[in-house]
Amino acid sequence: MMALVWLAAVVAVDVGVARAARLRAETAADLAALAAAAHALTTSEGACARAHAVTTANGSRVDRCSVVDGITEVAVSLRFTLPFSGSRTARAVARAGPIGADE
């Protein structure tokens, strides 16, 4: 019985850590897309450079950054370690741009 309780606790901790990492990746992607969108209308290279800076500050990395017609799309990954299951990667994608740009 004690082993079953221990197993449930281990699973709960791993799930909690994974969910927190996924939320961190989503937040980093959102912030990077918004930061890039602020620079997207002037230069796409500057926009993606800004996205890289924001994701680095959030402990993640940019996998892909694109700017099309002022709309930025940023894909981010975040490495994390589960206490009992080892190393994993959380991924997220976010888009940002001017209001009505994708209509």
PDB file of N, CA and C in Angstrom:
ATOM      1  N   MET A   1       0.815  -1.191   0.000  1.00  0.00           N
ATOM      2  CA  MET A   1       0.000   0.000   0.000  1.00  0.00           C
ATOM      3  C   MET A   1       0.862   1.260   0.000  1.00  0.00           C
ATOM      4  N   MET A   2       1.928   1.251   0.799  1.00  0.00           N
ATOM      5  CA  MET A   2       2.815   2.402   0.863  1.00  0.00           C
ATOM      6  C   MET A   2       3.486   2.660  -0.488  1.00  0.00           C
ATOM      7  N   ALA A   3       3.808   1.596  -1.200  1.00  0.00           N
ATOM      8  CA  ALA A   3       4.420   1.747  -2.519  1.00  0.00           C
ATOM      9  C   ALA A   3       3.469   2.444  -3.486  1.00  0.00           C
ATOM     10  N   LEU A   4       2.203   2.156  -3.383  1.00  0.00           N
ATOM     11  CA  LEU A   4       1.204   2.782  -4.244  1.00  0.00           C
ATOM     12  C   LEU A   4       1.082   4.269  -3.939  1.00  0.00           C
ATOM     13  N   VAL A   5       1.122   4.626  -2.675  1.00  0.00           N
ATOM     14  CA  VAL A   5       1.089   6.036  -2.274  1.00  0.00           C
ATOM     15  C   VAL A   5       2.333   6.752  -2.792  1.00  0.00           C
ATOM     16  N   TRP A   6       3.478   6.125  -2.652  1.00  0.00           N
ATOM     17  CA  TRP A   6       4.740   6.690  -3.136  1.00  0.00           C
ATOM     18  C   TRP A   6       4.690   6.885  -4.651  1.00  0.00           C
ATOM     19  N   LEU A   7       4.204   5.904  -5.378  1.00  0.00           N
ATOM     20  CA  LEU A   7       4.098   6.011  -6.830  1.00  0.00           C
ATOM     21  C   LEU A   7       3.165   7.151  -7.230  1.00  0.00           C
ATOM     22  N   ALA A   8       2.049   7.287  -6.551  1.00  0.00           N
ATOM     23  CA  ALA A   8       1.120   8.387  -6.842  1.00  0.00           C
ATOM     24  C   ALA A   8       1.782   9.739  -6.593  1.00  0.00           C
ATOM     25  N   ALA A   9       2.566   9.849  -5.540  1.00  0.00           N
ATOM     26  CA  ALA A   9       3.268  11.102  -5.248  1.00  0.00           C
ATOM     27  C   ALA A   9       4.303  11.419  -6.317  1.00  0.00           C
ATOM     28  N   VAL A  10       5.042  10.416  -6.760  1.00  0.00           N
ATOM     29  CA  VAL A  10       6.050  10.600  -7.806  1.00  0.00           C
ATOM     30  C   VAL A  10       5.388  11.080  -9.093  1.00  0.00           C
ATOM     31  N   VAL A  11       4.304  10.454  -9.469  1.00  0.00           N
ATOM     32  CA  VAL A  11       3.586  10.851 -10.685  1.00  0.00           C
ATOM     33  C   VAL A  11       3.055  12.270 -10.544  1.00  0.00           C
ATOM     34  N   ALA A  12       2.502  12.609  -9.396  1.00  0.00           N
ATOM     35  CA  ALA A  12       1.962  13.952  -9.177  1.00  0.00           C
ATOM     36  C   ALA A  12       3.055  15.012  -9.283  1.00  0.00           C
ATOM     37  N   VAL A  13       4.222  14.740  -8.733  1.00  0.00           N
ATOM     38  CA  VAL A  13       5.331  15.698  -8.812  1.00  0.00           C
ATOM     39  C   VAL A  13       5.781  15.866 -10.259  1.00  0.00           C
ATOM     40  N   ASP A  14       5.968  14.778 -10.979  1.00  0.00           N
ATOM     41  CA  ASP A  14       6.395  14.868 -12.380  1.00  0.00           C
ATOM     42  C   ASP A  14       5.377  15.620 -13.232  1.00  0.00           C
ATOM     43  N   VAL A  15       4.104  15.344 -13.037  1.00  0.00           N
ATOM     44  CA  VAL A  15       3.062  16.035 -13.803  1.00  0.00           C
ATOM     45  C   VAL A  15       3.067  17.522 -13.473  1.00  0.00           C
ATOM     46  N   GLY A  16       3.211  17.861 -12.212  1.00  0.00           N
ATOM     47  CA  GLY A  16       3.253  19.270 -11.814  1.00  0.00           C
ATOM     48  C   GLY A  16       4.429  20.015 -12.412  1.00  0.00           C
ATOM     49  N   VAL A  17       5.591  19.401 -12.397  1.00  0.00           N
ATOM     50  CA  VAL A  17       6.788  20.031 -12.972  1.00  0.00           C
ATOM     51  C   VAL A  17       6.622  20.192 -14.480  1.00  0.00           C
ATOM     52  N   ALA A  18       6.080  19.184 -15.150  1.00  0.00           N
ATOM     53  CA  ALA A  18       5.883  19.259 -16.602  1.00  0.00           C
ATOM     54  C   ALA A  18       4.878  20.355 -16.971  1.00  0.00           C
ATOM     55  N   ARG A  19       3.805  20.464 -16.209  1.00  0.00           N
ATOM     56  CA  ARG A  19       2.814  21.508 -16.493  1.00  0.00           C
ATOM     57  C   ARG A  19       3.405  22.893 -16.271  1.00  0.00           C
ATOM     58  N   ALA A  20       4.182  23.057 -15.226  1.00  0.00           N
ATOM     59  CA  ALA A  20       4.820  24.350 -14.961  1.00  0.00           C
ATOM     60  C   ALA A  20       5.791  24.709 -16.085  1.00  0.00           C
ATOM     61  N   ALA A  21       6.534  23.738 -16.582  1.00  0.00           N
ATOM     62  CA  ALA A  21       7.478  23.984 -17.681  1.00  0.00           C
ATOM     63  C   ALA A  21       6.730  24.359 -18.959  1.00  0.00           C
ATOM     64  N   ARG A  22       5.624  23.675 -19.221  1.00  0.00           N
ATOM     65  CA  ARG A  22       4.828  24.014 -20.402  1.00  0.00           C
ATOM     66  C   ARG A  22       4.306  25.447 -20.318  1.00  0.00           C
ATOM     67  N   LEU A  23       3.844  25.849 -19.148  1.00  0.00           N
ATOM     68  CA  LEU A  23       3.358  27.216 -18.967  1.00  0.00           C
ATOM     69  C   LEU A  23       4.486  28.232 -19.114  1.00  0.00           C
ATOM     70  N   ARG A  24       5.668  27.896 -18.620  1.00  0.00           N
ATOM     71  CA  ARG A  24       6.826  28.789 -18.800  1.00  0.00           C
ATOM     72  C   ARG A  24       7.176  28.933 -20.277  1.00  0.00           C
ATOM     73  N   ALA A  25       7.123  27.839 -21.031  1.00  0.00           N
ATOM     74  CA  ALA A  25       7.408  27.892 -22.466  1.00  0.00           C
ATOM     75  C   ALA A  25       6.353  28.734 -23.190  1.00  0.00           C
ATOM     76  N   GLU A  26       5.086  28.561 -22.835  1.00  0.00           N
ATOM     77  CA  GLU A  26       4.023  29.353 -23.457  1.00  0.00           C
ATOM     78  C   GLU A  26       4.185  30.838 -23.146  1.00  0.00           C
ATOM     79  N   THR A  27       4.541  31.148 -21.916  1.00  0.00           N
ATOM     80  CA  THR A  27       4.759  32.545 -21.537  1.00  0.00           C
ATOM     81  C   THR A  27       5.933  33.143 -22.294  1.00  0.00           C
ATOM     82  N   ALA A  28       7.027  32.397 -22.398  1.00  0.00           N
ATOM     83  CA  ALA A  28       8.198  32.877 -23.133  1.00  0.00           C
ATOM     84  C   ALA A  28       7.853  33.111 -24.607  1.00  0.00           C
ATOM     85  N   ALA A  29       7.072  32.208 -25.201  1.00  0.00           N
ATOM     86  CA  ALA A  29       6.678  32.368 -26.597  1.00  0.00           C
ATOM     87  C   ALA A  29       5.791  33.591 -26.769  1.00  0.00           C
ATOM     88  N   ASP A  30       4.832  33.778 -25.875  1.00  0.00           N
ATOM     89  CA  ASP A  30       3.954  34.947 -25.947  1.00  0.00           C
ATOM     90  C   ASP A  30       4.739  36.249 -25.842  1.00  0.00           C
ATOM     91  N   LEU A  31       5.623  36.319 -24.844  1.00  0.00           N
ATOM     92  CA  LEU A  31       6.418  37.533 -24.654  1.00  0.00           C
ATOM     93  C   LEU A  31       7.339  37.792 -25.845  1.00  0.00           C
ATOM     94  N   ALA A  32       7.944  36.737 -26.372  1.00  0.00           N
ATOM     95  CA  ALA A  32       8.842  36.892 -27.523  1.00  0.00           C
ATOM     96  C   ALA A  32       8.077  37.367 -28.750  1.00  0.00           C
ATOM     97  N   ALA A  33       6.902  36.811 -28.988  1.00  0.00           N
ATOM     98  CA  ALA A  33       6.100  37.223 -30.142  1.00  0.00           C
ATOM     99  C   ALA A  33       5.676  38.679 -30.015  1.00  0.00           C
ATOM    100  N   LEU A  34       5.273  39.088 -28.814  1.00  0.00           N
ATOM    101  CA  LEU A  34       4.889  40.489 -28.614  1.00  0.00           C
ATOM    102  C   LEU A  34       6.077  41.437 -28.775  1.00  0.00           C
ATOM    103  N   ALA A  35       7.221  41.049 -28.236  1.00  0.00           N
ATOM    104  CA  ALA A  35       8.420  41.880 -28.377  1.00  0.00           C
ATOM    105  C   ALA A  35       8.831  41.989 -29.839  1.00  0.00           C
ATOM    106  N   ALA A  36       8.760  40.875 -30.558  1.00  0.00           N
ATOM    107  CA  ALA A  36       9.115  40.900 -31.983  1.00  0.00           C
ATOM    108  C   ALA A  36       8.122  41.721 -32.780  1.00  0.00           C
ATOM    109  N   ALA A  37       6.837  41.619 -32.443  1.00  0.00           N
ATOM    110  CA  ALA A  37       5.812  42.368 -33.180  1.00  0.00           C
ATOM    111  C   ALA A  37       6.015  43.875 -33.038  1.00  0.00           C
ATOM    112  N   ALA A  38       6.546  44.304 -31.907  1.00  0.00           N
ATOM    113  CA  ALA A  38       6.806  45.728 -31.705  1.00  0.00           C
ATOM    114  C   ALA A  38       7.858  46.248 -32.681  1.00  0.00           C
ATOM    115  N   HIS A  39       8.728  45.372 -33.170  1.00  0.00           N
ATOM    116  CA  HIS A  39       9.785  45.760 -34.103  1.00  0.00           C
ATOM    117  C   HIS A  39       9.528  45.254 -35.523  1.00  0.00           C
ATOM    118  N   ALA A  40       8.461  44.530 -35.737  1.00  0.00           N
ATOM    119  CA  ALA A  40       8.243  43.826 -37.005  1.00  0.00           C
ATOM    120  C   ALA A  40       8.035  44.761 -38.182  1.00  0.00           C
ATOM    121  N   LEU A  41       7.426  45.893 -37.971  1.00  0.00           N
ATOM    122  CA  LEU A  41       7.136  46.783 -39.088  1.00  0.00           C
ATOM    123  C   LEU A  41       8.362  47.551 -39.564  1.00  0.00           C
ATOM    124  N   THR A  42       9.406  47.608 -38.744  1.00  0.00           N
ATOM    125  CA  THR A  42      10.620  48.307 -39.161  1.00  0.00           C
ATOM    126  C   THR A  42      11.630  47.365 -39.800  1.00  0.00           C
ATOM    127  N   THR A  43      11.903  46.238 -39.152  1.00  0.00           N
ATOM    128  CA  THR A  43      12.868  45.283 -39.697  1.00  0.00           C
ATOM    129  C   THR A  43      12.614  43.891 -39.131  1.00  0.00           C
ATOM    130  N   SER A  44      12.537  42.900 -40.002  1.00  0.00           N
ATOM    131  CA  SER A  44      12.279  41.540 -39.517  1.00  0.00           C
ATOM    132  C   SER A  44      13.485  40.978 -38.772  1.00  0.00           C
ATOM    133  N   GLU A  45      14.705  41.366 -39.176  1.00  0.00           N
ATOM    134  CA  GLU A  45      15.893  40.877 -38.467  1.00  0.00           C
ATOM    135  C   GLU A  45      15.918  41.418 -37.042  1.00  0.00           C
ATOM    136  N   GLY A  46      15.582  42.681 -36.877  1.00  0.00           N
ATOM    137  CA  GLY A  46      15.538  43.271 -35.546  1.00  0.00           C
ATOM    138  C   GLY A  46      14.448  42.646 -34.695  1.00  0.00           C
ATOM    139  N   ALA A  47      13.340  42.297 -35.338  1.00  0.00           N
ATOM    140  CA  ALA A  47      12.233  41.678 -34.616  1.00  0.00           C
ATOM    141  C   ALA A  47      12.653  40.321 -34.067  1.00  0.00           C
ATOM    142  N   CYS A  48      13.276  39.514 -34.884  1.00  0.00           N
ATOM    143  CA  CYS A  48      13.695  38.188 -34.421  1.00  0.00           C
ATOM    144  C   CYS A  48      14.835  38.277 -33.412  1.00  0.00           C
ATOM    145  N   ALA A  49      15.694  39.269 -33.565  1.00  0.00           N
ATOM    146  CA  ALA A  49      16.753  39.468 -32.572  1.00  0.00           C
ATOM    147  C   ALA A  49      16.139  39.810 -31.221  1.00  0.00           C
ATOM    148  N   ARG A  50      15.095  40.606 -31.229  1.00  0.00           N
ATOM    149  CA  ARG A  50      14.401  40.948 -29.983  1.00  0.00           C
ATOM    150  C   ARG A  50      13.745  39.703 -29.375  1.00  0.00           C
ATOM    151  N   ALA A  51      13.152  38.865 -30.222  1.00  0.00           N
ATOM    152  CA  ALA A  51      12.543  37.625 -29.737  1.00  0.00           C
ATOM    153  C   ALA A  51      13.592  36.727 -29.080  1.00  0.00           C
ATOM    154  N   HIS A  52      14.781  36.638 -29.689  1.00  0.00           N
ATOM    155  CA  HIS A  52      15.864  35.829 -29.107  1.00  0.00           C
ATOM    156  C   HIS A  52      16.269  36.370 -27.741  1.00  0.00           C
ATOM    157  N   ALA A  53      16.366  37.702 -27.626  1.00  0.00           N
ATOM    158  CA  ALA A  53      16.766  38.306 -26.356  1.00  0.00           C
ATOM    159  C   ALA A  53      15.738  38.028 -25.261  1.00  0.00           C
ATOM    160  N   VAL A  54      14.472  38.126 -25.605  1.00  0.00           N
ATOM    161  CA  VAL A  54      13.417  37.894 -24.617  1.00  0.00           C
ATOM    162  C   VAL A  54      13.386  36.432 -24.179  1.00  0.00           C
ATOM    163  N   THR A  55      13.508  35.514 -25.118  1.00  0.00           N
ATOM    164  CA  THR A  55      13.471  34.095 -24.738  1.00  0.00           C
ATOM    165  C   THR A  55      14.693  33.704 -23.907  1.00  0.00           C
ATOM    166  N   THR A  56      15.833  34.246 -24.242  1.00  0.00           N
ATOM    167  CA  THR A  56      17.029  33.972 -23.451  1.00  0.00           C
ATOM    168  C   THR A  56      16.845  34.462 -22.021  1.00  0.00           C
ATOM    169  N   ALA A  57      16.256  35.644 -21.863  1.00  0.00           N
ATOM    170  CA  ALA A  57      15.999  36.184 -20.528  1.00  0.00           C
ATOM    171  C   ALA A  57      15.012  35.317 -19.755  1.00  0.00           C
ATOM    172  N   ASN A  58      14.178  34.563 -20.464  1.00  0.00           N
ATOM    173  CA  ASN A  58      13.198  33.686 -19.826  1.00  0.00           C
ATOM    174  C   ASN A  58      13.690  32.243 -19.698  1.00  0.00           C
ATOM    175  N   GLY A  59      14.955  31.999 -19.997  1.00  0.00           N
ATOM    176  CA  GLY A  59      15.526  30.670 -19.819  1.00  0.00           C
ATOM    177  C   GLY A  59      15.137  29.664 -20.881  1.00  0.00           C
ATOM    178  N   SER A  60      14.703  30.131 -22.034  1.00  0.00           N
ATOM    179  CA  SER A  60      14.327  29.237 -23.129  1.00  0.00           C
ATOM    180  C   SER A  60      15.080  29.653 -24.387  1.00  0.00           C
ATOM    181  N   ARG A  61      14.747  29.020 -25.515  1.00  0.00           N
ATOM    182  CA  ARG A  61      15.422  29.380 -26.762  1.00  0.00           C
ATOM    183  C   ARG A  61      14.430  29.400 -27.912  1.00  0.00           C
ATOM    184  N   VAL A  62      14.748  30.206 -28.916  1.00  0.00           N
ATOM    185  CA  VAL A  62      13.903  30.313 -30.109  1.00  0.00           C
ATOM    186  C   VAL A  62      14.266  29.183 -31.070  1.00  0.00           C
ATOM    187  N   ASP A  63      13.273  28.406 -31.451  1.00  0.00           N
ATOM    188  CA  ASP A  63      13.471  27.383 -32.471  1.00  0.00           C
ATOM    189  C   ASP A  63      13.200  27.944 -33.862  1.00  0.00           C
ATOM    190  N   ARG A  64      12.236  28.853 -33.942  1.00  0.00           N
ATOM    191  CA  ARG A  64      11.868  29.435 -35.232  1.00  0.00           C
ATOM    192  C   ARG A  64      11.268  30.816 -34.989  1.00  0.00           C
ATOM    193  N   CYS A  65      11.609  31.762 -35.851  1.00  0.00           N
ATOM    194  CA  CYS A  65      11.039  33.103 -35.793  1.00  0.00           C
ATOM    195  C   CYS A  65      10.793  33.563 -37.217  1.00  0.00           C
ATOM    196  N   SER A  66       9.578  34.011 -37.491  1.00  0.00           N
ATOM    197  CA  SER A  66       9.284  34.517 -38.834  1.00  0.00           C
ATOM    198  C   SER A  66       8.415  35.757 -38.728  1.00  0.00           C
ATOM    199  N   VAL A  67       8.586  36.631 -39.697  1.00  0.00           N
ATOM    200  CA  VAL A  67       7.793  37.847 -39.791  1.00  0.00           C
ATOM    201  C   VAL A  67       7.223  37.914 -41.196  1.00  0.00           C
ATOM    202  N   VAL A  68       5.888  37.913 -41.293  1.00  0.00           N
ATOM    203  CA  VAL A  68       5.211  38.003 -42.583  1.00  0.00           C
ATOM    204  C   VAL A  68       4.112  39.053 -42.465  1.00  0.00           C
ATOM    205  N   ASP A  69       4.222  40.106 -43.260  1.00  0.00           N
ATOM    206  CA  ASP A  69       3.233  41.189 -43.262  1.00  0.00           C
ATOM    207  C   ASP A  69       3.009  41.772 -41.872  1.00  0.00           C
ATOM    208  N   GLY A  70       4.059  41.930 -41.117  1.00  0.00           N
ATOM    209  CA  GLY A  70       3.969  42.516 -39.789  1.00  0.00           C
ATOM    210  C   GLY A  70       3.517  41.568 -38.696  1.00  0.00           C
ATOM    211  N   ILE A  71       3.208  40.320 -39.053  1.00  0.00           N
ATOM    212  CA  ILE A  71       2.797  39.328 -38.054  1.00  0.00           C
ATOM    213  C   ILE A  71       3.994  38.445 -37.734  1.00  0.00           C
ATOM    214  N   THR A  72       4.303  38.343 -36.460  1.00  0.00           N
ATOM    215  CA  THR A  72       5.425  37.506 -36.036  1.00  0.00           C
ATOM    216  C   THR A  72       4.906  36.176 -35.510  1.00  0.00           C
ATOM    217  N   GLU A  73       5.651  35.135 -35.798  1.00  0.00           N
ATOM    218  CA  GLU A  73       5.378  33.815 -35.235  1.00  0.00           C
ATOM    219  C   GLU A  73       6.681  33.310 -34.650  1.00  0.00           C
ATOM    220  N   VAL A  74       6.627  32.952 -33.381  1.00  0.00           N
ATOM    221  CA  VAL A  74       7.825  32.515 -32.665  1.00  0.00           C
ATOM    222  C   VAL A  74       7.563  31.144 -32.052  1.00  0.00           C
ATOM    223  N   ALA A  75       8.460  30.196 -32.327  1.00  0.00           N
ATOM    224  CA  ALA A  75       8.415  28.869 -31.711  1.00  0.00           C
ATOM    225  C   ALA A  75       9.549  28.797 -30.694  1.00  0.00           C
ATOM    226  N   VAL A  76       9.214  28.347 -29.496  1.00  0.00           N
ATOM    227  CA  VAL A  76      10.149  28.361 -28.377  1.00  0.00           C
ATOM    228  C   VAL A  76      10.246  26.958 -27.777  1.00  0.00           C
ATOM    229  N   SER A  77      11.426  26.609 -27.279  1.00  0.00           N
ATOM    230  CA  SER A  77      11.575  25.357 -26.530  1.00  0.00           C
ATOM    231  C   SER A  77      12.278  25.643 -25.211  1.00  0.00           C
ATOM    232  N   LEU A  78      11.944  24.824 -24.225  1.00  0.00           N
ATOM    233  CA  LEU A  78      12.476  24.982 -22.880  1.00  0.00           C
ATOM    234  C   LEU A  78      12.841  23.603 -22.341  1.00  0.00           C
ATOM    235  N   ARG A  79      14.113  23.406 -22.020  1.00  0.00           N
ATOM    236  CA  ARG A  79      14.565  22.135 -21.430  1.00  0.00           C
ATOM    237  C   ARG A  79      14.309  22.169 -19.930  1.00  0.00           C
ATOM    238  N   PHE A  80      13.820  21.060 -19.407  1.00  0.00           N
ATOM    239  CA  PHE A  80      13.599  20.946 -17.975  1.00  0.00           C
ATOM    240  C   PHE A  80      13.829  19.501 -17.562  1.00  0.00           C
ATOM    241  N   THR A  81      14.010  19.315 -16.276  1.00  0.00           N
ATOM    242  CA  THR A  81      14.274  17.982 -15.751  1.00  0.00           C
ATOM    243  C   THR A  81      13.174  17.585 -14.779  1.00  0.00           C
ATOM    244  N   LEU A  82      12.586  16.432 -15.041  1.00  0.00           N
ATOM    245  CA  LEU A  82      11.605  15.875 -14.116  1.00  0.00           C
ATOM    246  C   LEU A  82      12.349  15.168 -12.998  1.00  0.00           C
ATOM    247  N   PRO A  83      11.926  15.346 -11.770  1.00  0.00           N
ATOM    248  CA  PRO A  83      12.669  14.763 -10.646  1.00  0.00           C
ATOM    249  C   PRO A  83      12.872  13.258 -10.743  1.00  0.00           C
ATOM    250  N   PHE A  84      11.895  12.553 -11.307  1.00  0.00           N
ATOM    251  CA  PHE A  84      11.992  11.096 -11.319  1.00  0.00           C
ATOM    252  C   PHE A  84      12.044  10.495 -12.717  1.00  0.00           C
ATOM    253  N   SER A  85      11.873  11.307 -13.748  1.00  0.00           N
ATOM    254  CA  SER A  85      11.798  10.766 -15.109  1.00  0.00           C
ATOM    255  C   SER A  85      12.851  11.300 -16.066  1.00  0.00           C
ATOM    256  N   GLY A  86      13.690  12.206 -15.625  1.00  0.00           N
ATOM    257  CA  GLY A  86      14.763  12.690 -16.483  1.00  0.00           C
ATOM    258  C   GLY A  86      14.440  13.972 -17.230  1.00  0.00           C
ATOM    259  N   SER A  87      15.240  14.247 -18.234  1.00  0.00           N
ATOM    260  CA  SER A  87      15.185  15.503 -18.973  1.00  0.00           C
ATOM    261  C   SER A  87      14.135  15.464 -20.083  1.00  0.00           C
ATOM    262  N   ARG A  88      13.442  16.583 -20.259  1.00  0.00           N
ATOM    263  CA  ARG A  88      12.409  16.716 -21.281  1.00  0.00           C
ATOM    264  C   ARG A  88      12.485  18.110 -21.907  1.00  0.00           C
ATOM    265  N   THR A  89      11.689  18.334 -22.963  1.00  0.00           N
ATOM    266  CA  THR A  89      11.601  19.638 -23.621  1.00  0.00           C
ATOM    267  C   THR A  89      10.140  20.038 -23.760  1.00  0.00           C
ATOM    268  N   ALA A  90       9.840  21.255 -23.334  1.00  0.00           N
ATOM    269  CA  ALA A  90       8.502  21.824 -23.534  1.00  0.00           C
ATOM    270  C   ALA A  90       8.591  22.773 -24.718  1.00  0.00           C
ATOM    271  N   ARG A  91       7.593  22.738 -25.597  1.00  0.00           N
ATOM    272  CA  ARG A  91       7.582  23.594 -26.781  1.00  0.00           C
ATOM    273  C   ARG A  91       6.291  24.401 -26.832  1.00  0.00           C
ATOM    274  N   ALA A  92       6.399  25.613 -27.406  1.00  0.00           N
ATOM    275  CA  ALA A  92       5.221  26.467 -27.559  1.00  0.00           C
ATOM    276  C   ALA A  92       5.416  27.363 -28.772  1.00  0.00           C
ATOM    277  N   VAL A  93       4.301  27.767 -29.371  1.00  0.00           N
ATOM    278  CA  VAL A  93       4.310  28.671 -30.517  1.00  0.00           C
ATOM    279  C   VAL A  93       3.336  29.805 -30.228  1.00  0.00           C
ATOM    280  N   ALA A  94       3.730  31.027 -30.572  1.00  0.00           N
ATOM    281  CA  ALA A  94       2.851  32.178 -30.385  1.00  0.00           C
ATOM    282  C   ALA A  94       2.954  33.104 -31.591  1.00  0.00           C
ATOM    283  N   ARG A  95       1.853  33.803 -31.850  1.00  0.00           N
ATOM    284  CA  ARG A  95       1.798  34.786 -32.942  1.00  0.00           C
ATOM    285  C   ARG A  95       1.355  36.116 -32.377  1.00  0.00           C
ATOM    286  N   ALA A  96       1.869  37.203 -32.971  1.00  0.00           N
ATOM    287  CA  ALA A  96       1.452  38.539 -32.577  1.00  0.00           C
ATOM    288  C   ALA A  96       1.617  39.472 -33.765  1.00  0.00           C
ATOM    289  N   GLY A  97       0.815  40.502 -33.776  1.00  0.00           N
ATOM    290  CA  GLY A  97       0.899  41.490 -34.844  1.00  0.00           C
ATOM    291  C   GLY A  97      -0.144  42.561 -34.652  1.00  0.00           C
ATOM    292  N   PRO A  98      -0.198  43.491 -35.591  1.00  0.00           N
ATOM    293  CA  PRO A  98      -1.177  44.572 -35.494  1.00  0.00           C
ATOM    294  C   PRO A  98      -2.611  44.044 -35.551  1.00  0.00           C
ATOM    295  N   ILE A  99      -3.524  44.777 -34.954  1.00  0.00           N
ATOM    296  CA  ILE A  99      -4.929  44.395 -34.957  1.00  0.00           C
ATOM    297  C   ILE A  99      -5.439  44.360 -36.392  1.00  0.00           C
ATOM    298  N   GLY A 100      -6.107  43.260 -36.755  1.00  0.00           N
ATOM    299  CA  GLY A 100      -6.675  43.114 -38.086  1.00  0.00           C
ATOM    300  C   GLY A 100      -5.686  42.734 -39.162  1.00  0.00           C
ATOM    301  N   ALA A 101      -4.436  42.442 -38.792  1.00  0.00           N
ATOM    302  CA  ALA A 101      -3.413  42.148 -39.798  1.00  0.00           C
ATOM    303  C   ALA A 101      -3.633  40.823 -40.495  1.00  0.00           C
ATOM    304  N   ASP A 102      -4.235  39.850 -39.811  1.00  0.00           N
ATOM    305  CA  ASP A 102      -4.389  38.532 -40.436  1.00  0.00           C
ATOM    306  C   ASP A 102      -5.787  38.304 -40.998  1.00  0.00           C
ATOM    307  N   GLU A 103      -6.546  39.361 -41.177  1.00  0.00           N
ATOM    308  CA  GLU A 103      -7.890  39.222 -41.747  1.00  0.00           C
ATOM    309  C   GLU A 103      -7.845  39.255 -43.261  1.00  0.00           C
TER     310      GLU A 103
END
